[in-house]
Amino acid sequence: MAKEFKLEWGFGANFYPSTAINQLEMWQEESFDAETIDRELGFAEKIGMTYMRVYLHDLLWEQDSEGFLKRMEKYLEIADSHKIKTMFVFFDDCWSPVFALGKQPDPKPFTHNSGWIQSPGNKAADDLSQRPRLEAYVKGVLTHFANDERIFLWDLYNEPGNGASGDHVTVSALREELSFPLLKDVFKWAREVNPSQPITAAPWCYNREGFFAMNKFMYENSDVITFHCYMDGENTEKRIKMIIDEYGDKKPLLCSEYMARTAKSTFEACLPIYKKYNIVAINWGLVSGKSQTIYPWSWTEEKGKPEFWFHDVFNQDGTLLYPEEGKVFEAVLKK
């Protein structure tokens, strides 16, 4: 049963330090970069961000559960020092299904998210013999942090049904309902732990039949209704009204991914709309770095520099990619 929760309005970003190409590089002991995390969350604090969405990975639990939890504690200590609350993400169907612990690959030039990886990956998700270790991971993390007020929400599964393309442009080779069994299981495991924080998973694909049942399940079983929306202001508002019309306004709403400048999903166009509807807004990317999400989906070196940088808010020196966006942040905080 879904619980009732309230969320204070605010905005934030999907966060990984600029020195990490993926979840493993962010969290493994040899590459965990507390100094950069502290500096870059400081950038976020200065423009008024109060929420971060941060990805985990099942292999980190298998590798060293105790060390992993200690590094999560350290991250939360840093985030809390900047008055930032966190939503952790357990599973993810996006990007590469091939990955391993250890040193991670270098970025491919001009390539969006060239090193991002799935969790647990397609093979593990479809292999029922691996369910016990995935359950141990989810329940272990949830149990440890079940009453931690620095965590405001648990995101159980990012974009279930997506695939190796990882974007919102390519629609071939999507997993669709192949991800439904694991989605159901992770909600079941979370309810069995029963953390004090709310749980959620966000619909992201609305126009393909293979997602309809999963979307309904996520809306009905989430304590906070989350969604992804990489569209312009007008269509963002239509998406919000569609969700409210279909599912009412009894649960808080949160957009856990938006802001892709060349897709016309911009802070100027969309952030005031989220504030208008009291919807927490979390854009993709904070500091431009090894993820290379400043380049659009499906970008190539032959295309050269894009007209606008796609995701991310800051350069690595703490200056805004687009200084004029600072006025948008100031305006929504004043209202």
Protein backbone atom coordinates (compact mmCIF):
# COMPACT_ATOMS: atom_id res chain seq x y z
CA MET A 1 0.00 0.00 0.00
CA ALA A 2 1.24 3.45 -0.89
CA LYS A 3 1.76 5.84 2.02
CA GLU A 4 0.96 9.53 2.24
CA PHE A 5 3.89 11.94 2.12
CA LYS A 6 4.43 15.63 1.51
CA LEU A 7 7.38 17.18 -0.31
CA GLU A 8 8.62 20.73 0.12
CA TRP A 9 9.09 22.36 -3.27
CA GLY A 10 12.61 22.67 -4.55
CA PHE A 11 14.81 21.83 -7.49
CA GLY A 12 17.99 19.89 -8.02
CA ALA A 13 19.92 17.62 -10.35
CA ASN A 14 20.85 14.06 -11.16
CA PHE A 15 24.28 13.96 -9.57
CA TYR A 16 27.55 12.16 -10.15
CA PRO A 17 30.87 14.00 -9.81
CA SER A 18 32.50 15.25 -13.00
CA THR A 19 35.35 12.80 -12.35
CA ALA A 20 33.07 9.73 -12.68
CA ILE A 21 31.96 8.24 -15.99
CA ASN A 22 29.38 5.97 -14.35
CA GLN A 23 27.98 4.58 -11.12
CA LEU A 24 30.89 2.23 -10.48
CA GLU A 25 33.50 4.95 -10.86
CA MET A 26 31.56 7.19 -8.51
CA TRP A 27 31.34 4.64 -5.71
CA GLN A 28 34.28 2.22 -5.87
CA GLU A 29 36.85 2.81 -3.13
CA GLU A 30 39.74 3.60 -5.45
CA SER A 31 37.82 6.25 -7.40
CA PHE A 32 35.41 7.64 -4.77
CA ASP A 33 36.15 11.37 -4.95
CA ALA A 34 34.84 13.05 -1.81
CA GLU A 35 36.72 16.27 -2.53
CA THR A 36 35.04 16.75 -5.91
CA ILE A 37 31.64 15.71 -4.53
CA ASP A 38 31.97 18.36 -1.83
CA ARG A 39 33.05 21.07 -4.24
CA GLU A 40 30.37 20.34 -6.82
CA LEU A 41 27.52 20.05 -4.33
CA GLY A 42 28.73 23.43 -3.12
CA PHE A 43 28.05 24.78 -6.61
CA ALA A 44 24.51 23.40 -6.37
CA GLU A 45 23.94 24.95 -2.95
CA LYS A 46 24.93 28.39 -4.22
CA ILE A 47 22.12 28.46 -6.79
CA GLY A 48 19.53 27.15 -4.34
CA MET A 49 19.36 23.46 -5.22
CA THR A 50 18.11 21.31 -2.34
CA TYR A 51 17.65 17.86 -3.94
CA MET A 52 19.93 15.38 -5.70
CA ARG A 53 19.16 12.10 -7.43
CA VAL A 54 22.06 9.65 -7.22
CA TYR A 55 22.51 6.24 -8.84
CA LEU A 56 23.79 3.13 -7.06
CA HIS A 57 24.80 -0.25 -8.56
CA ASP A 58 24.21 -3.84 -7.45
CA LEU A 59 27.83 -4.89 -8.10
CA LEU A 60 29.01 -2.42 -5.46
CA TRP A 61 27.08 -4.33 -2.80
CA GLU A 62 28.47 -7.64 -4.02
CA GLN A 63 32.02 -6.28 -4.10
CA ASP A 64 32.14 -4.72 -0.63
CA SER A 65 28.82 -4.04 1.09
CA GLU A 66 30.38 -2.59 4.24
CA GLY A 67 32.67 -0.24 2.33
CA PHE A 68 29.85 0.74 -0.01
CA LEU A 69 27.63 1.73 2.90
CA LYS A 70 30.47 3.74 4.45
CA ARG A 71 30.95 5.66 1.21
CA MET A 72 27.21 6.27 0.98
CA GLU A 73 27.37 7.62 4.53
CA LYS A 74 30.23 9.91 3.53
CA TYR A 75 28.30 11.18 0.50
CA LEU A 76 25.25 11.87 2.68
CA GLU A 77 27.40 13.70 5.22
CA ILE A 78 28.72 15.94 2.45
CA ALA A 79 25.28 16.52 0.90
CA ASP A 80 23.78 17.33 4.28
CA SER A 81 26.51 19.89 4.91
CA HIS A 82 25.23 21.67 1.79
CA LYS A 83 21.57 21.41 2.92
CA ILE A 84 20.84 18.91 0.15
CA LYS A 85 18.59 15.85 0.50
CA THR A 86 19.09 12.79 -1.69
CA MET A 87 17.06 10.29 -3.68
CA PHE A 88 19.01 7.10 -4.39
CA VAL A 89 18.31 4.92 -7.44
CA PHE A 90 18.72 1.13 -7.23
CA PHE A 91 18.23 -0.26 -10.76
CA ASP A 92 18.57 1.21 -14.24
CA ASP A 93 17.79 -0.19 -17.72
CA CYS A 94 19.66 2.54 -19.63
CA TRP A 95 22.82 2.31 -21.70
CA SER A 96 25.42 -0.44 -21.69
CA PRO A 97 24.50 -3.98 -20.57
CA VAL A 98 28.21 -4.90 -20.53
CA PHE A 99 30.23 -3.80 -17.50
CA ALA A 100 32.60 -4.98 -14.78
CA LEU A 101 34.08 -3.82 -11.51
CA GLY A 102 37.51 -2.20 -11.57
CA LYS A 103 38.91 0.58 -13.71
CA GLN A 104 36.23 2.08 -15.92
CA PRO A 105 36.66 3.10 -19.59
CA ASP A 106 37.69 6.55 -20.70
CA PRO A 107 35.01 8.70 -22.38
CA LYS A 108 34.47 8.36 -26.12
CA PRO A 109 34.85 11.79 -27.77
CA PHE A 110 31.60 13.69 -28.46
CA THR A 111 29.54 10.75 -27.12
CA HIS A 112 26.70 11.26 -24.65
CA ASN A 113 27.01 9.00 -21.57
CA SER A 114 29.53 6.73 -23.29
CA GLY A 115 30.34 4.87 -20.09
CA TRP A 116 26.96 4.71 -18.33
CA ILE A 117 25.87 1.20 -17.40
CA GLN A 118 22.74 -0.73 -16.58
CA SER A 119 21.99 -2.24 -13.19
CA PRO A 120 21.65 -5.16 -12.81
CA GLY A 121 21.88 -5.51 -16.61
CA ASN A 122 19.58 -7.42 -18.93
CA LYS A 123 21.08 -10.85 -18.33
CA ALA A 124 20.93 -10.56 -14.56
CA ALA A 125 17.41 -9.12 -14.66
CA ASP A 126 16.20 -12.12 -16.68
CA ASP A 127 18.11 -14.72 -14.63
CA LEU A 128 15.89 -15.71 -11.71
CA SER A 129 18.83 -17.42 -9.99
CA GLN A 130 20.25 -13.92 -9.36
CA ARG A 131 17.16 -12.65 -7.56
CA PRO A 132 18.49 -13.54 -4.08
CA ARG A 133 21.62 -11.38 -4.47
CA LEU A 134 19.58 -8.49 -5.91
CA GLU A 135 17.12 -8.78 -3.03
CA ALA A 136 20.01 -8.77 -0.55
CA TYR A 137 21.38 -5.60 -2.15
CA VAL A 138 18.09 -3.70 -2.11
CA LYS A 139 17.08 -4.80 1.36
CA GLY A 140 20.58 -4.29 2.76
CA VAL A 141 20.77 -0.68 1.63
CA LEU A 142 17.17 0.10 2.57
CA THR A 143 17.51 -1.44 6.02
CA HIS A 144 20.71 0.48 6.78
CA PHE A 145 19.20 3.84 5.80
CA ALA A 146 15.53 3.14 6.59
CA ASN A 147 15.20 6.08 8.98
CA ASP A 148 17.80 8.44 7.57
CA GLU A 149 16.28 11.92 7.18
CA ARG A 150 18.99 12.91 4.71
CA ILE A 151 17.25 10.65 2.19
CA PHE A 152 13.93 12.07 1.02
CA LEU A 153 12.91 9.39 -1.51
CA TRP A 154 13.96 5.97 -2.86
CA ASP A 155 13.82 5.56 -6.65
CA LEU A 156 13.62 1.82 -7.12
CA TYR A 157 14.10 1.48 -10.88
CA ASN A 158 15.14 4.04 -13.48
CA GLU A 159 13.35 3.76 -16.83
CA PRO A 160 12.33 0.10 -16.70
CA GLY A 161 11.91 -1.21 -20.20
CA ASN A 162 14.57 1.00 -21.77
CA GLY A 163 17.69 -0.50 -23.33
CA ALA A 164 21.23 -0.03 -24.60
CA SER A 165 20.34 3.14 -26.54
CA GLY A 166 19.54 4.80 -23.23
CA ASP A 167 17.92 7.85 -24.78
CA HIS A 168 14.45 9.12 -25.62
CA VAL A 169 15.03 9.16 -29.36
CA THR A 170 15.88 5.59 -30.33
CA VAL A 171 12.92 3.27 -29.76
CA SER A 172 14.35 0.06 -31.19
CA ALA A 173 15.54 -2.81 -29.01
CA LEU A 174 13.67 -1.64 -25.93
CA ARG A 175 13.06 -4.28 -23.26
CA GLU A 176 9.53 -3.06 -22.55
CA GLU A 177 7.64 -5.57 -20.35
CA LEU A 178 10.65 -7.87 -19.98
CA SER A 179 11.54 -5.57 -17.08
CA PHE A 180 8.14 -5.87 -15.40
CA PRO A 181 8.97 -8.91 -13.19
CA LEU A 182 12.01 -7.22 -11.61
CA LEU A 183 10.06 -3.98 -11.24
CA LYS A 184 7.38 -5.82 -9.27
CA ASP A 185 9.99 -7.59 -7.17
CA VAL A 186 11.86 -4.45 -6.16
CA PHE A 187 8.62 -2.81 -5.00
CA LYS A 188 7.84 -5.96 -3.02
CA TRP A 189 11.28 -5.96 -1.38
CA ALA A 190 11.01 -2.29 -0.50
CA ARG A 191 7.57 -2.74 1.09
CA GLU A 192 8.92 -5.63 3.14
CA VAL A 193 11.64 -3.39 4.57
CA ASN A 194 9.09 -0.57 4.98
CA PRO A 195 11.49 2.40 5.20
CA SER A 196 10.27 5.65 6.68
CA GLN A 197 11.00 7.42 3.38
CA PRO A 198 8.65 7.14 0.39
CA ILE A 199 9.40 4.90 -2.60
CA THR A 200 8.81 5.49 -6.30
CA ALA A 201 9.65 4.61 -9.90
CA ALA A 202 9.04 6.93 -12.83
CA PRO A 203 7.18 6.28 -16.09
CA TRP A 204 9.14 7.66 -19.01
CA CYS A 205 7.61 6.15 -22.20
CA TYR A 206 3.93 6.94 -22.73
CA ASN A 207 3.17 6.13 -26.36
CA ARG A 208 4.05 2.42 -26.70
CA GLU A 209 1.67 -0.34 -25.66
CA GLY A 210 4.49 -2.33 -24.08
CA PHE A 211 4.76 0.29 -21.33
CA PHE A 212 1.12 0.86 -20.43
CA ALA A 213 0.86 -1.83 -17.73
CA MET A 214 4.19 -0.90 -16.16
CA ASN A 215 3.26 2.78 -16.08
CA LYS A 216 -0.02 2.01 -14.35
CA PHE A 217 1.79 -0.18 -11.82
CA MET A 218 4.34 2.54 -11.05
CA TYR A 219 1.73 5.25 -10.63
CA GLU A 220 -0.42 3.12 -8.34
CA ASN A 221 2.38 1.71 -6.19
CA SER A 222 4.56 4.79 -5.77
CA ASP A 223 4.20 6.97 -2.67
CA VAL A 224 5.34 9.94 -4.73
CA ILE A 225 4.40 10.07 -8.42
CA THR A 226 7.55 10.66 -10.42
CA PHE A 227 7.95 11.06 -14.17
CA HIS A 228 10.46 12.04 -16.86
CA CYS A 229 9.78 14.78 -19.37
CA TYR A 230 12.22 16.04 -21.98
CA MET A 231 9.83 18.39 -23.78
CA ASP A 232 9.26 22.10 -24.22
CA GLY A 233 7.26 24.17 -21.76
CA GLU A 234 3.89 23.77 -23.46
CA ASN A 235 4.15 19.99 -23.70
CA THR A 236 5.58 19.74 -20.19
CA GLU A 237 2.45 21.40 -18.86
CA LYS A 238 0.30 19.03 -20.95
CA ARG A 239 2.14 16.06 -19.44
CA ILE A 240 1.58 17.39 -15.92
CA LYS A 241 -2.15 17.93 -16.57
CA MET A 242 -2.44 14.44 -18.06
CA ILE A 243 -0.95 12.88 -14.93
CA ILE A 244 -3.16 14.94 -12.62
CA ASP A 245 -6.28 14.21 -14.68
CA GLU A 246 -5.61 10.47 -14.73
CA TYR A 247 -4.27 9.94 -11.23
CA GLY A 248 -5.50 12.95 -9.31
CA ASP A 249 -3.50 15.19 -7.05
CA LYS A 250 -3.56 13.07 -3.89
CA LYS A 251 0.14 12.24 -4.09
CA PRO A 252 3.08 14.62 -4.45
CA LEU A 253 4.50 14.91 -7.96
CA LEU A 254 8.19 15.03 -8.82
CA CYS A 255 9.92 15.22 -12.19
CA SER A 256 13.12 13.21 -11.79
CA GLU A 257 14.50 13.96 -15.27
CA TYR A 258 14.13 16.99 -17.53
CA MET A 259 16.22 19.74 -19.18
CA ALA A 260 17.69 19.03 -22.59
CA ARG A 261 18.38 22.36 -24.22
CA THR A 262 18.41 21.33 -27.87
CA ALA A 263 15.13 19.49 -27.28
CA LYS A 264 13.69 22.82 -26.01
CA SER A 265 13.44 21.44 -22.48
CA THR A 266 15.10 24.38 -20.76
CA PHE A 267 15.20 25.88 -17.30
CA GLU A 268 13.59 29.07 -18.59
CA ALA A 269 10.70 27.21 -20.25
CA CYS A 270 10.07 24.46 -17.71
CA LEU A 271 11.24 25.31 -14.19
CA PRO A 272 8.58 28.02 -13.61
CA ILE A 273 5.92 25.49 -14.68
CA TYR A 274 7.13 22.97 -12.12
CA LYS A 275 7.04 25.69 -9.48
CA LYS A 276 3.51 26.68 -10.57
CA TYR A 277 2.26 23.12 -9.94
CA ASN A 278 4.41 22.64 -6.82
CA ILE A 279 6.36 19.81 -8.49
CA VAL A 280 9.93 19.15 -7.37
CA ALA A 281 12.10 19.35 -10.51
CA ILE A 282 15.35 17.41 -10.93
CA ASN A 283 17.24 18.05 -14.16
CA TRP A 284 19.78 15.73 -15.74
CA GLY A 285 23.36 16.56 -14.85
CA LEU A 286 25.10 19.05 -12.60
CA VAL A 287 28.73 19.56 -13.69
CA SER A 288 30.05 18.90 -17.18
CA GLY A 289 32.55 16.07 -17.01
CA LYS A 290 33.35 12.49 -17.97
CA SER A 291 29.71 11.62 -18.68
CA GLN A 292 29.81 14.09 -21.60
CA THR A 293 26.08 14.72 -21.33
CA ILE A 294 26.71 18.21 -22.68
CA TYR A 295 26.39 16.42 -26.05
CA PRO A 296 22.90 15.41 -27.25
CA TRP A 297 21.71 11.84 -27.57
CA SER A 298 23.08 10.09 -30.66
CA TRP A 299 25.72 12.79 -31.18
CA THR A 300 28.90 12.08 -33.16
CA GLU A 301 32.25 13.77 -33.63
CA GLU A 302 31.37 14.54 -37.26
CA LYS A 303 28.61 16.86 -36.07
CA GLY A 304 31.07 19.04 -34.18
CA LYS A 305 29.94 21.32 -31.38
CA PRO A 306 26.14 21.41 -30.86
CA GLU A 307 24.25 24.69 -31.04
CA PHE A 308 23.58 24.45 -27.32
CA TRP A 309 25.02 22.21 -24.67
CA PHE A 310 22.45 19.50 -23.96
CA HIS A 311 22.52 18.73 -20.21
CA ASP A 312 24.44 19.99 -17.15
CA VAL A 313 24.48 23.28 -15.28
CA PHE A 314 28.10 24.08 -14.42
CA ASN A 315 31.58 24.05 -15.83
CA GLN A 316 34.14 22.35 -13.61
CA ASP A 317 35.33 25.69 -12.24
CA GLY A 318 31.86 26.41 -10.86
CA THR A 319 30.78 28.91 -13.50
CA LEU A 320 27.41 28.36 -15.14
CA LEU A 321 27.43 26.90 -18.65
CA TYR A 322 24.88 29.61 -19.43
CA PRO A 323 25.13 32.55 -17.00
CA GLU A 324 21.66 33.77 -17.94
CA GLU A 325 20.15 30.64 -16.37
CA GLY A 326 21.16 32.01 -12.98
CA LYS A 327 18.34 34.55 -13.29
CA VAL A 328 15.83 31.70 -13.74
CA PHE A 329 16.99 30.05 -10.52
CA GLU A 330 16.81 33.33 -8.65
CA ALA A 331 13.30 34.03 -9.96
CA VAL A 332 11.74 30.70 -8.94
CA LEU A 333 13.25 30.97 -5.46
CA LYS A 334 11.75 34.43 -4.95
CA LYS A 335 8.18 33.40 -5.81
